[in-house]
Amino acid sequence: MVDYKTNWLGGETLTAADYTPTAMARGMREAHYPLQALLYSVALHRFLRWRQPGYDPDTHLGGVLYLFLRGMCGPQTPVVDAMPCGVFSWSPPAALVTDLSDLLDRGAP
């Protein structure tokens, strides 16, 4: 799953260095994007459960990518910790996704 973001994570001037994994993780938390990613993952889980023969969340659920467009500057985009600046990835555990889906189905006790 991929989501595109245009968040301004820098100061007065903006560079790719404003979109390192650490800076994006901070921006993700501040904007509550991990919750958004989990809800998107639940929706995908429910779709695949319905449409994918032999669906197995551990096999078929991939991670999420948040592409911060302001931090991506083409082929010369710097790479930090094996990820290009502006690309945030996260793989929520399949059990977390399925448990949240079940909780949303039945509601809290």
N, C-alpha and C. Protein backbone atom coordinates (compact mmCIF):
# COMPACT_ATOMS: atom_id res chain seq x y z
N MET A 1 0.84 -1.14 0.00
CA MET A 1 0.00 0.00 0.00
C MET A 1 0.91 1.23 0.00
N VAL A 2 0.52 2.22 -0.78
CA VAL A 2 1.32 3.44 -0.90
C VAL A 2 0.41 4.64 -0.68
N ASP A 3 0.92 5.61 0.07
CA ASP A 3 0.21 6.87 0.27
C ASP A 3 1.21 7.99 -0.01
N TYR A 4 0.75 8.99 -0.71
CA TYR A 4 1.60 10.13 -1.05
C TYR A 4 1.30 11.28 -0.09
N LYS A 5 2.34 11.93 0.41
CA LYS A 5 2.19 13.03 1.34
C LYS A 5 3.00 14.22 0.84
N THR A 6 2.50 15.41 1.14
CA THR A 6 3.21 16.64 0.76
C THR A 6 3.60 17.46 1.99
N ASN A 7 3.68 16.82 3.13
CA ASN A 7 4.02 17.52 4.38
C ASN A 7 5.35 18.26 4.25
N TRP A 8 5.38 19.45 4.81
CA TRP A 8 6.60 20.26 4.87
C TRP A 8 7.28 19.92 6.19
N LEU A 9 8.39 19.18 6.14
CA LEU A 9 9.07 18.75 7.36
C LEU A 9 10.31 19.59 7.67
N GLY A 10 10.63 20.53 6.80
CA GLY A 10 11.85 21.30 7.00
C GLY A 10 11.61 22.64 7.65
N GLY A 11 12.65 23.43 7.69
CA GLY A 11 12.57 24.78 8.22
C GLY A 11 12.18 25.75 7.12
N GLU A 12 12.84 26.89 7.12
CA GLU A 12 12.53 27.92 6.12
C GLU A 12 12.89 27.46 4.71
N THR A 13 14.04 26.82 4.57
CA THR A 13 14.41 26.23 3.29
C THR A 13 14.28 24.72 3.41
N LEU A 14 13.99 24.08 2.31
CA LEU A 14 13.70 22.65 2.33
C LEU A 14 14.73 21.89 1.52
N THR A 15 15.23 20.78 2.10
CA THR A 15 16.17 19.92 1.39
C THR A 15 15.75 18.47 1.61
N ALA A 16 16.33 17.58 0.84
CA ALA A 16 16.07 16.15 1.03
C ALA A 16 16.48 15.70 2.42
N ALA A 17 17.46 16.37 3.01
CA ALA A 17 17.92 16.01 4.36
C ALA A 17 16.84 16.22 5.42
N ASP A 18 15.81 16.97 5.10
CA ASP A 18 14.68 17.14 6.02
C ASP A 18 13.76 15.93 6.02
N TYR A 19 14.04 14.95 5.15
CA TYR A 19 13.18 13.78 4.98
C TYR A 19 13.96 12.48 5.21
N THR A 20 14.80 12.49 6.24
CA THR A 20 15.52 11.28 6.64
C THR A 20 14.54 10.36 7.38
N PRO A 21 14.90 9.10 7.58
CA PRO A 21 14.00 8.21 8.33
C PRO A 21 13.59 8.76 9.69
N THR A 22 14.51 9.37 10.41
CA THR A 22 14.20 9.92 11.73
C THR A 22 13.21 11.08 11.63
N ALA A 23 13.45 11.98 10.69
CA ALA A 23 12.55 13.13 10.51
C ALA A 23 11.17 12.67 10.06
N MET A 24 11.12 11.68 9.17
CA MET A 24 9.82 11.20 8.70
C MET A 24 9.08 10.45 9.81
N ALA A 25 9.80 9.70 10.63
CA ALA A 25 9.15 9.01 11.75
C ALA A 25 8.51 10.02 12.70
N ARG A 26 9.20 11.11 12.96
CA ARG A 26 8.65 12.16 13.81
C ARG A 26 7.40 12.77 13.15
N GLY A 27 7.49 13.06 11.86
CA GLY A 27 6.35 13.61 11.12
C GLY A 27 5.18 12.64 11.08
N MET A 28 5.48 11.35 10.95
CA MET A 28 4.43 10.33 10.95
C MET A 28 3.69 10.33 12.28
N ARG A 29 4.44 10.36 13.37
CA ARG A 29 3.80 10.34 14.70
C ARG A 29 2.97 11.60 14.93
N GLU A 30 3.52 12.75 14.57
CA GLU A 30 2.81 14.02 14.79
C GLU A 30 1.50 14.08 14.01
N ALA A 31 1.46 13.47 12.84
CA ALA A 31 0.26 13.50 11.99
C ALA A 31 -0.65 12.28 12.20
N HIS A 32 -0.27 11.42 13.13
CA HIS A 32 -1.05 10.20 13.43
C HIS A 32 -1.16 9.26 12.23
N TYR A 33 -0.16 9.27 11.37
CA TYR A 33 -0.17 8.40 10.19
C TYR A 33 -0.04 6.91 10.52
N PRO A 34 0.60 6.51 11.63
CA PRO A 34 0.59 5.08 11.93
C PRO A 34 -0.83 4.53 12.11
N LEU A 35 -1.70 5.30 12.73
CA LEU A 35 -3.10 4.87 12.87
C LEU A 35 -3.76 4.79 11.49
N GLN A 36 -3.50 5.77 10.66
CA GLN A 36 -4.03 5.75 9.30
C GLN A 36 -3.54 4.51 8.56
N ALA A 37 -2.26 4.21 8.68
CA ALA A 37 -1.69 3.03 8.01
C ALA A 37 -2.35 1.75 8.50
N LEU A 38 -2.60 1.66 9.81
CA LEU A 38 -3.26 0.47 10.34
C LEU A 38 -4.68 0.34 9.80
N LEU A 39 -5.42 1.44 9.75
CA LEU A 39 -6.79 1.38 9.23
C LEU A 39 -6.80 1.02 7.75
N TYR A 40 -5.87 1.58 6.98
CA TYR A 40 -5.75 1.20 5.57
C TYR A 40 -5.43 -0.29 5.45
N SER A 41 -4.56 -0.78 6.33
CA SER A 41 -4.19 -2.20 6.29
C SER A 41 -5.37 -3.09 6.63
N VAL A 42 -6.19 -2.66 7.59
CA VAL A 42 -7.39 -3.42 7.93
C VAL A 42 -8.33 -3.48 6.72
N ALA A 43 -8.51 -2.35 6.05
CA ALA A 43 -9.37 -2.33 4.87
C ALA A 43 -8.83 -3.27 3.79
N LEU A 44 -7.52 -3.25 3.58
CA LEU A 44 -6.92 -4.14 2.59
C LEU A 44 -7.08 -5.60 3.02
N HIS A 45 -6.86 -5.88 4.28
CA HIS A 45 -7.04 -7.24 4.82
C HIS A 45 -8.46 -7.73 4.54
N ARG A 46 -9.43 -6.91 4.80
CA ARG A 46 -10.82 -7.31 4.60
C ARG A 46 -11.13 -7.54 3.11
N PHE A 47 -10.57 -6.71 2.26
CA PHE A 47 -10.76 -6.89 0.82
C PHE A 47 -10.11 -8.20 0.35
N LEU A 48 -8.87 -8.42 0.76
CA LEU A 48 -8.17 -9.63 0.33
C LEU A 48 -8.82 -10.89 0.88
N ARG A 49 -9.30 -10.82 2.11
CA ARG A 49 -9.98 -11.96 2.72
C ARG A 49 -11.20 -12.37 1.87
N TRP A 50 -11.83 -11.40 1.30
CA TRP A 50 -13.03 -11.61 0.49
C TRP A 50 -12.69 -12.03 -0.94
N ARG A 51 -11.59 -11.48 -1.50
CA ARG A 51 -11.31 -11.64 -2.93
C ARG A 51 -10.16 -12.56 -3.29
N GLN A 52 -9.22 -12.80 -2.40
CA GLN A 52 -8.01 -13.58 -2.71
C GLN A 52 -8.20 -15.03 -2.30
N PRO A 53 -8.26 -15.96 -3.26
CA PRO A 53 -8.37 -17.38 -2.89
C PRO A 53 -7.15 -17.79 -2.06
N GLY A 54 -7.38 -18.52 -0.99
CA GLY A 54 -6.29 -18.99 -0.13
C GLY A 54 -5.60 -17.87 0.62
N TYR A 55 -6.32 -16.79 0.85
CA TYR A 55 -5.73 -15.63 1.52
C TYR A 55 -5.12 -15.99 2.87
N ASP A 56 -3.90 -15.53 3.09
CA ASP A 56 -3.19 -15.70 4.35
C ASP A 56 -2.55 -14.36 4.69
N PRO A 57 -2.98 -13.70 5.76
CA PRO A 57 -2.43 -12.38 6.09
C PRO A 57 -0.90 -12.35 6.20
N ASP A 58 -0.30 -13.40 6.75
CA ASP A 58 1.16 -13.41 6.88
C ASP A 58 1.86 -13.45 5.53
N THR A 59 1.19 -13.98 4.53
CA THR A 59 1.78 -14.08 3.20
C THR A 59 1.40 -12.90 2.31
N HIS A 60 0.14 -12.53 2.34
CA HIS A 60 -0.39 -11.58 1.36
C HIS A 60 -0.38 -10.12 1.78
N LEU A 61 -0.35 -9.85 3.07
CA LEU A 61 -0.30 -8.45 3.50
C LEU A 61 1.14 -7.95 3.41
N GLY A 62 1.34 -6.92 2.66
CA GLY A 62 2.65 -6.30 2.59
C GLY A 62 2.70 -5.12 3.54
N GLY A 63 3.73 -4.37 3.48
CA GLY A 63 3.84 -3.20 4.33
C GLY A 63 3.22 -1.99 3.69
N VAL A 64 3.50 -0.85 4.29
CA VAL A 64 3.00 0.41 3.77
C VAL A 64 4.19 1.30 3.44
N LEU A 65 4.03 2.09 2.41
CA LEU A 65 5.03 3.10 2.05
C LEU A 65 4.34 4.45 2.09
N TYR A 66 4.97 5.39 2.76
CA TYR A 66 4.53 6.77 2.71
C TYR A 66 5.59 7.52 1.92
N LEU A 67 5.18 8.11 0.81
CA LEU A 67 6.10 8.83 -0.06
C LEU A 67 5.92 10.32 0.18
N PHE A 68 6.88 10.91 0.87
CA PHE A 68 6.87 12.34 1.13
C PHE A 68 7.49 13.03 -0.09
N LEU A 69 6.63 13.52 -0.95
CA LEU A 69 7.05 14.01 -2.26
C LEU A 69 8.06 15.15 -2.18
N ARG A 70 7.96 15.99 -1.18
CA ARG A 70 8.89 17.12 -1.07
C ARG A 70 10.31 16.66 -0.75
N GLY A 71 10.47 15.45 -0.25
CA GLY A 71 11.79 14.93 0.07
C GLY A 71 12.40 14.08 -1.02
N MET A 72 11.62 13.81 -2.06
CA MET A 72 12.10 12.96 -3.16
C MET A 72 12.54 13.87 -4.31
N CYS A 73 13.78 13.72 -4.72
CA CYS A 73 14.31 14.64 -5.73
C CYS A 73 14.96 13.90 -6.90
N GLY A 74 14.36 12.80 -7.30
CA GLY A 74 14.83 12.09 -8.49
C GLY A 74 15.99 11.16 -8.21
N PRO A 75 16.73 10.83 -9.26
CA PRO A 75 17.81 9.83 -9.13
C PRO A 75 18.90 10.22 -8.13
N GLN A 76 19.05 11.51 -7.86
CA GLN A 76 20.09 11.95 -6.93
C GLN A 76 19.59 12.04 -5.48
N THR A 77 18.41 11.51 -5.21
CA THR A 77 17.89 11.54 -3.84
C THR A 77 18.86 10.81 -2.92
N PRO A 78 19.30 11.46 -1.84
CA PRO A 78 20.21 10.79 -0.91
C PRO A 78 19.56 9.56 -0.28
N VAL A 79 20.38 8.58 0.05
CA VAL A 79 19.93 7.36 0.71
C VAL A 79 20.50 7.35 2.13
N VAL A 80 19.60 7.16 3.11
CA VAL A 80 20.00 7.12 4.52
C VAL A 80 19.45 5.83 5.10
N ASP A 81 20.29 5.06 5.75
CA ASP A 81 19.88 3.77 6.33
C ASP A 81 19.18 2.89 5.30
N ALA A 82 19.73 2.85 4.11
CA ALA A 82 19.26 2.00 3.00
C ALA A 82 17.90 2.42 2.43
N MET A 83 17.40 3.61 2.80
CA MET A 83 16.14 4.10 2.25
C MET A 83 16.37 5.48 1.65
N PRO A 84 15.78 5.72 0.47
CA PRO A 84 15.90 7.07 -0.09
C PRO A 84 15.17 8.07 0.80
N CYS A 85 15.72 9.26 0.92
CA CYS A 85 15.03 10.32 1.64
C CYS A 85 13.64 10.49 1.03
N GLY A 86 12.67 10.71 1.87
CA GLY A 86 11.30 10.90 1.42
C GLY A 86 10.48 9.63 1.36
N VAL A 87 11.10 8.47 1.56
CA VAL A 87 10.36 7.20 1.50
C VAL A 87 10.36 6.57 2.90
N PHE A 88 9.18 6.49 3.49
CA PHE A 88 9.03 5.88 4.80
C PHE A 88 8.33 4.55 4.64
N SER A 89 8.88 3.50 5.20
CA SER A 89 8.25 2.18 5.09
C SER A 89 8.00 1.61 6.47
N TRP A 90 6.92 0.84 6.55
CA TRP A 90 6.56 0.18 7.79
C TRP A 90 5.77 -1.07 7.45
N SER A 91 6.05 -2.15 8.12
CA SER A 91 5.30 -3.39 7.95
C SER A 91 4.61 -3.73 9.27
N PRO A 92 3.37 -3.31 9.42
CA PRO A 92 2.68 -3.67 10.66
C PRO A 92 2.53 -5.18 10.74
N PRO A 93 2.71 -5.77 11.90
CA PRO A 93 2.55 -7.22 12.04
C PRO A 93 1.15 -7.65 11.59
N ALA A 94 1.07 -8.74 10.85
CA ALA A 94 -0.22 -9.23 10.35
C ALA A 94 -1.18 -9.47 11.51
N ALA A 95 -0.67 -9.97 12.64
CA ALA A 95 -1.54 -10.23 13.79
C ALA A 95 -2.16 -8.94 14.32
N LEU A 96 -1.43 -7.84 14.27
CA LEU A 96 -1.98 -6.56 14.71
C LEU A 96 -3.12 -6.14 13.80
N VAL A 97 -2.93 -6.32 12.50
CA VAL A 97 -3.96 -5.95 11.52
C VAL A 97 -5.21 -6.81 11.72
N THR A 98 -5.03 -8.11 11.84
CA THR A 98 -6.19 -8.99 11.98
C THR A 98 -6.88 -8.79 13.33
N ASP A 99 -6.11 -8.56 14.38
CA ASP A 99 -6.72 -8.31 15.70
C ASP A 99 -7.52 -7.01 15.68
N LEU A 100 -6.99 -5.97 15.05
CA LEU A 100 -7.73 -4.71 14.96
C LEU A 100 -8.99 -4.89 14.13
N SER A 101 -8.89 -5.65 13.05
CA SER A 101 -10.07 -5.92 12.24
C SER A 101 -11.14 -6.63 13.06
N ASP A 102 -10.74 -7.64 13.82
CA ASP A 102 -11.68 -8.36 14.68
C ASP A 102 -12.29 -7.44 15.73
N LEU A 103 -11.48 -6.58 16.33
CA LEU A 103 -11.97 -5.64 17.33
C LEU A 103 -13.01 -4.69 16.71
N LEU A 104 -12.73 -4.22 15.52
CA LEU A 104 -13.68 -3.32 14.85
C LEU A 104 -14.97 -4.05 14.49
N ASP A 105 -14.86 -5.35 14.23
CA ASP A 105 -16.06 -6.15 13.93
C ASP A 105 -16.97 -6.28 15.15
N ARG A 106 -16.38 -6.58 16.29
CA ARG A 106 -17.20 -6.89 17.46
C ARG A 106 -17.34 -5.73 18.42
N GLY A 107 -16.47 -4.74 18.32
CA GLY A 107 -16.51 -3.62 19.26
C GLY A 107 -15.81 -3.96 20.54
N ALA A 108 -15.60 -2.96 21.35
CA ALA A 108 -14.93 -3.16 22.64
C ALA A 108 -15.91 -3.79 23.63
N PRO A 109 -15.39 -4.59 24.58
CA PRO A 109 -16.27 -5.20 25.58
C PRO A 109 -16.92 -4.17 26.48
